[in-house]
């Protein structure tokens, strides 16, 4: 069994009773290659370590003639409890029930589904002896209906007539990176945004070290390196960035070349550009999503935005040239992946949405549209906790300013007014559009 995932498995076989006397037989990576007896009143629950932010998932490789057990419900993500992180590691939970008496193997591979010719990075196998057809009354939980539970944003917005119906910063963006097995999308999305904005302002394409951010942030309550984190703009504001040529990506919580073991251990490297200021957009609903028009305004006048959303094995099957419109939602409404929003297109979609975002991913250029993807406004928590950067100087699209910005009330921030040095706003930056 290849051990490429960055956290350990659970305990051995566990029998757990939940609800109305329902028995769950829980197995983990500790049960690799073991034989498990499944009674007719039990649900088999396989719990495998999962980093959905990497694009990897567990997929069953079904041998011919296996009709002794069957999967019940969709596999689900169960995050490891944490505080502060918007992206985190967890477990992929896959449930089976007996369908007839007999023994069979269950085989799983940990892979990126679009990488057809690349060997799986991990595998898991157990033998199940089913004692017969399941006789219980277990029904897999139904996904949360987000539309029935979403609460309005803090404020409503109206679109500026000057904003185009289609817009993208993609030509200004740096080449797509690959985070590989490391759950560091929170750092990848930040670097993607900053690299593009430097190119827009300075006409300079930089290649910033994600590994340096992973290694050097020592706030272990909010940042877990390859096991998740949140927006690192504060760190990039204080320390600037290091280039990839000085500290290359190691696909781990340490850098083997420079022997920097563990999160919070940082060597000495040349520091380059730094963020002057940044803000979360604010105005979000109870799920953390900011209004579409606020995101458009901040994107157009401030550059690519750091943000997070919920994705799993369903999203990972995204087809090039399509628009992802499924409204996925995890059991605890958490986000699982961070990307940079770089553009949008207004158009009526079959799911009722009025358009889609163009996003830069960090799963290599082999994913989606050469490393990018399109996702409908609002679905799967896209637009959660969006954050924008002020670097220096005047942004290319910025040609209007407010004469007397105030620390109270809500104003149109078309030109980084709330981000420029010398102006202190109360709380999050609010990109409210005022007609």
Protein backbone atom coordinates (compact mmCIF):
# COMPACT_ATOMS: atom_id res chain seq x y z
CA UNK A 1 0.00 0.00 0.00
CA UNK A 2 1.56 3.27 -1.10
CA UNK A 3 1.47 5.85 1.72
CA UNK A 4 1.25 9.19 -0.10
CA UNK A 5 -1.59 10.73 1.93
CA UNK A 6 -0.43 13.11 4.62
CA UNK A 7 -2.29 11.89 7.68
CA UNK A 8 -2.78 8.49 9.22
CA UNK A 9 -5.80 6.24 9.11
CA UNK A 10 -8.30 5.43 11.84
CA UNK A 11 -8.45 2.45 14.20
CA UNK A 12 -9.12 -1.18 13.31
CA UNK A 13 -12.58 -2.69 12.78
CA UNK A 14 -15.13 -0.90 14.97
CA UNK A 15 -18.73 -1.80 15.63
CA UNK A 16 -20.85 1.31 16.18
CA UNK A 17 -24.55 1.57 16.96
CA UNK A 18 -26.40 4.70 15.87
CA UNK A 19 -29.98 5.88 15.49
CA UNK A 20 -32.63 3.16 15.78
CA UNK A 21 -30.24 0.37 16.72
CA UNK A 22 -28.41 0.58 13.40
CA UNK A 23 -25.06 -1.25 13.34
CA UNK A 24 -22.16 0.23 11.38
CA UNK A 25 -19.10 -1.93 10.88
CA UNK A 26 -16.32 0.63 10.41
CA UNK A 27 -13.03 -0.26 8.76
CA UNK A 28 -9.99 1.85 7.90
CA UNK A 29 -6.56 1.64 6.33
CA UNK A 30 -5.48 -0.43 9.34
CA UNK A 31 -7.62 -3.25 7.90
CA UNK A 32 -5.76 -3.38 4.60
CA UNK A 33 -5.77 -6.92 3.14
CA UNK A 34 -7.92 -8.28 6.00
CA UNK A 35 -11.06 -10.40 5.77
CA UNK A 36 -14.16 -8.82 7.29
CA UNK A 37 -17.40 -10.61 8.23
CA UNK A 38 -20.53 -8.60 7.41
CA UNK A 39 -23.74 -9.62 9.20
CA UNK A 40 -27.18 -9.09 7.71
CA UNK A 41 -27.97 -6.33 10.23
CA UNK A 42 -24.77 -4.36 9.55
CA UNK A 43 -23.73 -1.57 7.20
CA UNK A 44 -20.08 -1.72 6.18
CA UNK A 45 -18.51 1.74 6.45
CA UNK A 46 -15.08 2.15 4.84
CA UNK A 47 -13.27 5.29 6.02
CA UNK A 48 -10.19 6.25 3.98
CA UNK A 49 -7.99 9.35 4.43
CA UNK A 50 -8.94 11.97 1.86
CA UNK A 51 -7.64 15.33 0.70
CA UNK A 52 -10.36 16.43 -1.77
CA UNK A 53 -8.50 19.72 -2.34
CA UNK A 54 -5.82 17.80 -4.24
CA UNK A 55 -8.16 16.41 -6.91
CA UNK A 56 -7.53 12.86 -5.70
CA UNK A 57 -10.35 10.55 -4.59
CA UNK A 58 -10.86 6.88 -3.85
CA UNK A 59 -12.47 4.94 -6.71
CA UNK A 60 -13.61 1.33 -6.54
CA UNK A 61 -12.16 -1.01 -9.12
CA UNK A 62 -14.96 -3.55 -9.32
CA UNK A 63 -13.95 -7.14 -10.20
CA UNK A 64 -16.30 -9.10 -12.44
CA UNK A 65 -18.91 -11.27 -10.71
CA UNK A 66 -19.06 -9.35 -7.42
CA UNK A 67 -22.71 -9.50 -6.38
CA UNK A 68 -22.36 -10.18 -2.66
CA UNK A 69 -22.30 -6.55 -1.48
CA UNK A 70 -23.49 -3.29 -3.00
CA UNK A 71 -22.75 0.36 -2.29
CA UNK A 72 -25.47 2.30 -0.53
CA UNK A 73 -25.65 6.04 -1.16
CA UNK A 74 -22.87 8.30 -2.45
CA UNK A 75 -19.48 8.48 -0.81
CA UNK A 76 -19.19 11.52 1.45
CA UNK A 77 -16.51 13.76 2.92
CA UNK A 78 -16.11 13.82 6.68
CA UNK A 79 -13.68 16.59 7.69
CA UNK A 80 -11.37 16.34 10.67
CA UNK A 81 -12.63 18.93 13.19
CA UNK A 82 -10.56 22.10 13.15
CA UNK A 83 -10.78 25.79 13.94
CA UNK A 84 -10.00 28.63 11.57
CA UNK A 85 -9.29 26.59 8.45
CA UNK A 86 -11.60 26.91 5.46
CA UNK A 87 -9.99 23.91 3.75
CA UNK A 88 -9.11 20.77 5.64
CA UNK A 89 -8.30 17.09 5.45
CA UNK A 90 -10.74 14.35 6.35
CA UNK A 91 -12.09 10.97 5.32
CA UNK A 92 -13.91 9.60 2.33
CA UNK A 93 -16.71 7.47 3.76
CA UNK A 94 -18.10 4.73 1.51
CA UNK A 95 -20.90 2.46 2.72
CA UNK A 96 -21.91 -1.04 1.58
CA UNK A 97 -24.64 -3.52 2.50
CA UNK A 98 -24.91 -7.24 1.90
CA UNK A 99 -26.87 -8.40 -1.14
CA UNK A 100 -26.29 -12.18 -0.95
CA UNK A 101 -24.17 -14.79 0.82
CA UNK A 102 -20.56 -15.12 -0.31
CA UNK A 103 -17.07 -13.65 -0.26
CA UNK A 104 -15.59 -10.96 -2.50
CA UNK A 105 -12.77 -8.48 -2.64
CA UNK A 106 -13.29 -4.72 -2.48
CA UNK A 107 -10.49 -2.84 -4.22
CA UNK A 108 -10.01 0.93 -4.27
CA UNK A 109 -7.48 3.20 -5.95
CA UNK A 110 -6.55 6.74 -4.93
CA UNK A 111 -6.18 8.73 -8.13
CA UNK A 112 -7.12 11.77 -10.17
CA UNK A 113 -9.87 10.56 -12.42
CA UNK A 114 -8.73 12.61 -15.45
CA UNK A 115 -5.15 11.26 -15.30
CA UNK A 116 -5.92 8.10 -17.24
CA UNK A 117 -2.35 6.95 -17.92
CA UNK A 118 -0.83 7.69 -14.51
CA UNK A 119 -0.70 4.87 -11.92
CA UNK A 120 -2.79 5.25 -8.77
CA UNK A 121 -0.88 6.83 -5.90
CA UNK A 122 -2.42 4.54 -3.28
CA UNK A 123 -4.62 1.47 -3.03
CA UNK A 124 -6.80 -0.27 -0.48
CA UNK A 125 -8.11 -3.82 -0.48
CA UNK A 126 -10.23 -5.91 1.88
CA UNK A 127 -12.11 -9.20 1.54
CA UNK A 128 -15.73 -9.17 2.62
CA UNK A 129 -17.60 -12.28 3.72
CA UNK A 130 -21.26 -11.35 3.43
CA UNK A 131 -23.63 -13.48 5.49
CA UNK A 132 -26.59 -12.59 3.32
CA UNK A 133 -28.90 -9.81 2.15
CA UNK A 134 -29.13 -6.79 4.42
CA UNK A 135 -32.22 -6.89 6.66
CA UNK A 136 -31.97 -3.52 8.36
CA UNK A 137 -33.80 -0.27 7.70
CA UNK A 138 -30.87 2.08 7.11
CA UNK A 139 -31.42 4.86 4.56
CA UNK A 140 -28.38 6.95 3.52
CA UNK A 141 -28.67 10.60 4.61
CA UNK A 142 -30.01 13.07 2.05
CA UNK A 143 -27.76 15.96 1.07
CA UNK A 144 -28.51 19.33 2.65
CA UNK A 145 -30.88 21.45 0.57
CA UNK A 146 -28.89 24.66 0.42
CA UNK A 147 -31.63 26.65 -1.32
CA UNK A 148 -33.94 25.95 1.63
CA UNK A 149 -31.42 27.01 4.26
CA UNK A 150 -29.55 29.92 2.68
CA UNK A 151 -30.12 33.31 4.28
CA UNK A 152 -29.90 36.63 2.42
CA UNK A 153 -26.64 38.52 2.09
CA UNK A 154 -25.95 41.42 4.41
CA UNK A 155 -26.85 43.76 1.57
CA UNK A 156 -28.13 43.63 -1.98
CA UNK A 157 -26.22 45.02 -4.90
CA UNK A 158 -26.89 46.24 -8.41
CA UNK A 159 -24.51 45.84 -11.31
CA UNK A 160 -22.61 48.86 -12.61
CA UNK A 161 -23.55 49.54 -16.20
CA UNK A 162 -19.84 49.87 -17.00
CA UNK A 163 -19.11 46.23 -16.14
CA UNK A 164 -18.98 44.01 -19.22
CA UNK A 165 -21.10 40.88 -19.52
CA UNK A 166 -17.97 38.83 -20.20
CA UNK A 167 -14.59 39.46 -18.64
CA UNK A 168 -11.43 37.53 -17.74
CA UNK A 169 -7.92 38.20 -16.40
CA UNK A 170 -6.77 34.80 -17.68
CA UNK A 171 -4.30 36.23 -20.25
CA UNK A 172 -2.50 38.00 -17.39
CA UNK A 173 -2.28 34.90 -15.19
CA UNK A 174 0.83 32.84 -14.54
CA UNK A 175 1.11 29.19 -15.69
CA UNK A 176 -1.07 26.71 -13.80
CA UNK A 177 0.73 24.93 -10.95
CA UNK A 178 0.18 21.42 -9.60
CA UNK A 179 -0.28 20.96 -5.85
CA UNK A 180 -0.07 17.19 -6.36
CA UNK A 181 -0.85 15.24 -3.14
CA UNK A 182 -0.46 18.27 -0.86
CA UNK A 183 -3.63 19.94 0.45
CA UNK A 184 -2.13 23.41 0.04
CA UNK A 185 -4.73 24.92 -2.32
CA UNK A 186 -5.14 27.75 0.23
CA UNK A 187 -1.56 28.82 -0.60
CA UNK A 188 -1.79 28.00 -4.32
CA UNK A 189 -4.84 30.25 -4.79
CA UNK A 190 -3.11 33.12 -2.98
CA UNK A 191 0.01 32.82 -5.13
CA UNK A 192 -2.11 32.61 -8.31
CA UNK A 193 -3.87 35.87 -7.43
CA UNK A 194 -0.69 37.73 -6.47
CA UNK A 195 1.33 36.54 -9.48
CA UNK A 196 -1.37 37.84 -11.83
CA UNK A 197 -1.68 41.20 -10.08
CA UNK A 198 2.10 41.76 -10.13
CA UNK A 199 2.05 41.03 -13.85
CA UNK A 200 -0.78 43.53 -14.39
CA UNK A 201 0.92 46.31 -12.44
CA UNK A 202 4.63 45.67 -13.11
CA UNK A 203 4.44 43.73 -16.39
CA UNK A 204 6.52 41.07 -14.67
CA UNK A 205 5.66 37.37 -14.53
CA UNK A 206 6.83 35.88 -11.23
CA UNK A 207 6.94 32.25 -10.09
CA UNK A 208 6.34 32.29 -6.34
CA UNK A 209 7.20 29.49 -3.92
CA UNK A 210 4.17 27.77 -2.43
CA UNK A 211 6.52 25.55 -0.43
CA UNK A 212 7.90 28.59 1.39
CA UNK A 213 4.40 29.58 2.55
CA UNK A 214 3.72 25.99 3.69
CA UNK A 215 6.99 25.79 5.59
CA UNK A 216 7.11 29.21 7.15
CA UNK A 217 3.66 29.95 8.57
CA UNK A 218 3.85 28.94 12.21
CA UNK A 219 0.19 29.55 13.11
CA UNK A 220 -0.61 25.85 13.50
CA UNK A 221 -4.19 26.47 14.64
CA UNK A 222 -5.22 27.93 11.27
CA UNK A 223 -2.59 26.41 8.97
CA UNK A 224 -1.71 22.73 8.69
CA UNK A 225 0.50 22.80 5.62
CA UNK A 226 -0.56 19.94 3.33
CA UNK A 227 -3.56 19.25 5.58
CA UNK A 228 -5.34 22.55 4.95
CA UNK A 229 -5.35 26.21 5.86
CA UNK A 230 -6.95 29.56 5.20
CA UNK A 231 -6.04 32.79 3.35
CA UNK A 232 -2.31 33.56 3.85
CA UNK A 233 -2.40 37.19 2.66
CA UNK A 234 -1.44 38.51 6.12
CA UNK A 235 1.73 36.43 5.98
CA UNK A 236 2.50 37.60 2.42
CA UNK A 237 1.93 41.19 3.50
CA UNK A 238 4.36 40.91 6.41
CA UNK A 239 7.09 38.82 4.76
CA UNK A 240 6.68 39.21 1.00
CA UNK A 241 7.21 36.23 -1.28
CA UNK A 242 10.06 33.87 -2.12
CA UNK A 243 10.57 32.62 -5.66
CA UNK A 244 10.15 29.02 -6.78
CA UNK A 245 13.76 28.97 -7.96
CA UNK A 246 14.91 29.56 -4.36
CA UNK A 247 12.63 26.98 -2.74
CA UNK A 248 10.99 24.52 -5.17
CA UNK A 249 7.76 22.69 -4.42
CA UNK A 250 8.35 19.44 -2.51
CA UNK A 251 4.78 18.05 -2.41
CA UNK A 252 5.07 17.69 1.38
CA UNK A 253 4.96 19.49 4.73
CA UNK A 254 8.71 19.97 4.44
CA UNK A 255 11.36 20.48 1.80
CA UNK A 256 13.68 17.52 1.38
CA UNK A 257 16.31 19.48 -0.55
CA UNK A 258 16.85 22.00 2.23
CA UNK A 259 15.96 19.63 5.11
CA UNK A 260 13.28 21.95 6.48
CA UNK A 261 11.24 19.48 8.46
CA UNK A 262 7.83 20.45 9.77
CA UNK A 263 5.47 23.38 9.52
CA UNK A 264 6.83 26.58 11.03
CA UNK A 265 10.47 25.84 10.21
CA UNK A 266 11.79 28.36 7.74
CA UNK A 267 15.19 28.92 6.16
CA UNK A 268 16.71 32.16 4.89
CA UNK A 269 15.82 33.11 1.32
CA UNK A 270 15.68 36.32 -0.73
CA UNK A 271 12.33 38.05 -0.21
CA UNK A 272 10.69 39.83 -3.11
CA UNK A 273 7.32 41.53 -3.74
CA UNK A 274 4.92 41.95 -0.83
CA UNK A 275 1.21 42.69 -0.53
CA UNK A 276 0.54 46.21 0.77
CA UNK A 277 -2.97 45.44 1.98
CA UNK A 278 -5.88 43.05 1.54
CA UNK A 279 -9.46 42.50 2.65
CA UNK A 280 -12.21 39.89 2.61
CA UNK A 281 -15.15 41.19 0.58
CA UNK A 282 -17.75 40.74 3.30
CA UNK A 283 -21.51 41.07 2.81
CA UNK A 284 -21.77 37.31 2.70
CA UNK A 285 -24.72 35.02 3.41
CA UNK A 286 -24.81 32.41 6.17
CA UNK A 287 -22.69 30.06 4.07
CA UNK A 288 -19.92 32.64 3.58
CA UNK A 289 -20.74 33.52 -0.04
CA UNK A 290 -20.44 37.16 -1.07
CA UNK A 291 -22.96 38.61 -3.57
CA UNK A 292 -22.21 37.95 -7.25
CA UNK A 293 -22.15 41.66 -8.13
CA UNK A 294 -19.73 42.41 -5.28
CA UNK A 295 -17.39 39.71 -6.55
CA UNK A 296 -17.61 41.07 -10.11
CA UNK A 297 -16.82 44.60 -8.96
CA UNK A 298 -13.86 43.57 -6.83
CA UNK A 299 -12.58 41.26 -9.58
CA UNK A 300 -12.79 43.92 -12.29
CA UNK A 301 -11.25 46.74 -10.25
CA UNK A 302 -8.84 44.78 -8.03
CA UNK A 303 -7.77 41.67 -9.96
CA UNK A 304 -8.13 37.91 -9.38
CA UNK A 305 -9.70 36.91 -6.07
CA UNK A 306 -8.82 34.20 -3.56
CA UNK A 307 -11.92 32.19 -2.65
CA UNK A 308 -13.09 28.72 -1.63
CA UNK A 309 -15.91 26.33 -2.52
CA UNK A 310 -17.07 22.75 -1.91
CA UNK A 311 -15.84 20.06 -4.28
CA UNK A 312 -15.61 16.27 -4.17
CA UNK A 313 -15.26 13.33 -6.56
CA UNK A 314 -18.28 14.62 -8.55
CA UNK A 315 -16.58 17.93 -9.36
CA UNK A 316 -13.30 16.14 -10.07
CA UNK A 317 -15.01 14.53 -13.09
CA UNK A 318 -15.44 18.00 -14.65
CA UNK A 319 -15.33 17.83 -18.45
CA UNK A 320 -13.34 20.39 -20.48
CA UNK A 321 -15.46 23.09 -22.12
CA UNK A 322 -18.45 22.58 -19.83
CA UNK A 323 -20.01 24.63 -17.03
CA UNK A 324 -20.24 22.92 -13.64
CA UNK A 325 -23.78 23.46 -12.35
CA UNK A 326 -24.27 20.88 -9.58
CA UNK A 327 -24.90 22.42 -6.18
CA UNK A 328 -22.76 20.18 -4.00
CA UNK A 329 -22.76 20.63 -0.25
CA UNK A 330 -20.99 18.70 2.48
CA UNK A 331 -22.57 17.40 5.71
CA UNK A 332 -21.23 20.31 7.76
CA UNK A 333 -21.41 22.95 4.97
CA UNK A 334 -17.62 23.24 4.97
CA UNK A 335 -15.52 24.23 1.95
CA UNK A 336 -12.93 21.79 0.61
CA UNK A 337 -10.92 23.70 -2.01
CA UNK A 338 -9.57 27.18 -2.77
CA UNK A 339 -9.01 28.64 -6.24
CA UNK A 340 -8.58 32.04 -7.88
CA UNK A 341 -11.62 33.58 -9.57
CA UNK A 342 -10.26 35.32 -12.68
CA UNK A 343 -13.33 36.13 -14.77
CA UNK A 344 -17.01 35.67 -15.51
CA UNK A 345 -19.62 35.37 -18.23
CA UNK A 346 -23.26 36.42 -17.92
CA UNK A 347 -25.54 33.95 -19.66
CA UNK A 348 -28.74 32.11 -18.78
CA UNK A 349 -27.96 28.54 -17.67
CA UNK A 350 -30.22 25.51 -17.45
CA UNK A 351 -29.99 25.50 -13.64
CA UNK A 352 -31.47 29.00 -13.50
CA UNK A 353 -28.18 30.77 -12.86
CA UNK A 354 -27.43 34.01 -14.69
CA UNK A 355 -23.85 33.09 -15.56
CA UNK A 356 -20.61 31.47 -14.46
CA UNK A 357 -17.20 32.20 -12.97
CA UNK A 358 -13.93 31.41 -14.71
CA UNK A 359 -11.54 29.95 -12.13
CA UNK A 360 -7.87 29.05 -12.11
CA UNK A 361 -7.21 25.71 -10.42
CA UNK A 362 -3.98 24.15 -9.08
CA UNK A 363 -4.36 20.59 -10.37
CA UNK A 364 -1.99 20.98 -13.36
CA UNK A 365 -2.85 22.09 -16.88
CA UNK A 366 -4.22 18.60 -17.54
CA UNK A 367 -7.38 19.35 -15.58
CA UNK A 368 -10.42 20.96 -17.19
CA UNK A 369 -9.77 23.82 -19.60
CA UNK A 370 -5.96 23.77 -19.51
CA UNK A 371 -6.09 24.02 -15.72
CA UNK A 372 -9.14 26.33 -15.54
CA UNK A 373 -12.83 25.56 -15.11
CA UNK A 374 -16.23 27.28 -15.40
CA UNK A 375 -18.71 27.09 -12.53
CA UNK A 376 -22.21 28.57 -12.26
CA UNK A 377 -22.73 31.52 -9.92
CA UNK A 378 -23.57 30.40 -6.41
CA UNK A 379 -23.36 26.61 -6.76
CA UNK A 380 -21.27 24.40 -4.48
CA UNK A 381 -20.45 27.38 -2.22
CA UNK A 382 -18.36 29.09 -4.93
CA UNK A 383 -17.60 32.65 -3.84
CA UNK A 384 -17.01 31.76 -0.19
CA UNK A 385 -14.79 34.20 1.73
CA UNK A 386 -13.42 35.97 -1.38
CA UNK A 387 -10.40 38.16 -0.67
CA UNK A 388 -8.71 40.83 -2.79
CA UNK A 389 -5.23 42.35 -2.79
CA UNK A 390 -3.82 45.85 -3.04
CA UNK A 391 -0.24 45.69 -4.37
CA UNK A 392 0.83 49.23 -5.27
CA UNK A 393 0.06 52.01 -7.72
CA UNK A 394 -3.14 52.31 -9.73
CA UNK A 395 -4.83 49.22 -11.07
CA UNK A 396 -5.39 49.12 -14.89
CA UNK A 397 -9.21 49.34 -14.71
CA UNK A 398 -9.20 51.91 -11.94
CA UNK A 399 -10.18 55.35 -13.18
CA UNK A 400 -12.65 56.58 -10.57
CA UNK A 401 -12.05 57.55 -6.96
CA UNK A 402 -14.08 58.79 -4.03
CA UNK A 403 -13.10 62.22 -2.76
CA UNK A 404 -13.90 61.64 0.92
CA UNK A 405 -14.03 57.97 1.97
CA UNK A 406 -15.32 57.36 5.47
CA UNK A 407 -14.76 54.63 8.02
CA UNK A 408 -18.51 54.30 8.45
CA UNK A 409 -21.20 53.39 5.96
CA UNK A 410 -20.83 51.54 2.68
CA UNK A 411 -19.14 53.00 -0.36
CA UNK A 412 -18.30 52.01 -3.87
CA UNK A 413 -14.74 50.73 -3.79
CA UNK A 414 -13.84 50.79 -7.47
CA UNK A 415 -10.20 51.65 -6.95
CA UNK A 416 -8.89 49.98 -3.81
CA UNK A 417 -9.94 52.91 -1.62
CA UNK A 418 -10.42 50.57 1.33
CA UNK A 419 -7.12 48.84 0.58
CA UNK A 420 -4.70 51.71 0.06
CA UNK A 421 -2.33 52.56 2.93
CA UNK A 422 -3.61 55.27 5.26
CA UNK A 423 -7.25 54.27 5.15
CA UNK A 424 -8.55 52.00 7.90
CA UNK A 425 -11.96 50.44 7.38
CA UNK A 426 -14.08 48.77 10.02
CA UNK A 427 -13.92 45.00 9.48
CA UNK A 428 -14.10 43.42 6.04
CA UNK A 429 -13.70 45.33 2.81
CA UNK A 430 -17.18 45.72 1.27
CA UNK A 431 -17.32 45.92 -2.51
CA UNK A 432 -20.87 47.17 -2.61
CA UNK A 433 -22.02 48.55 -5.93
CA UNK A 434 -23.86 51.85 -5.59
CA UNK A 435 -25.87 52.90 -8.68
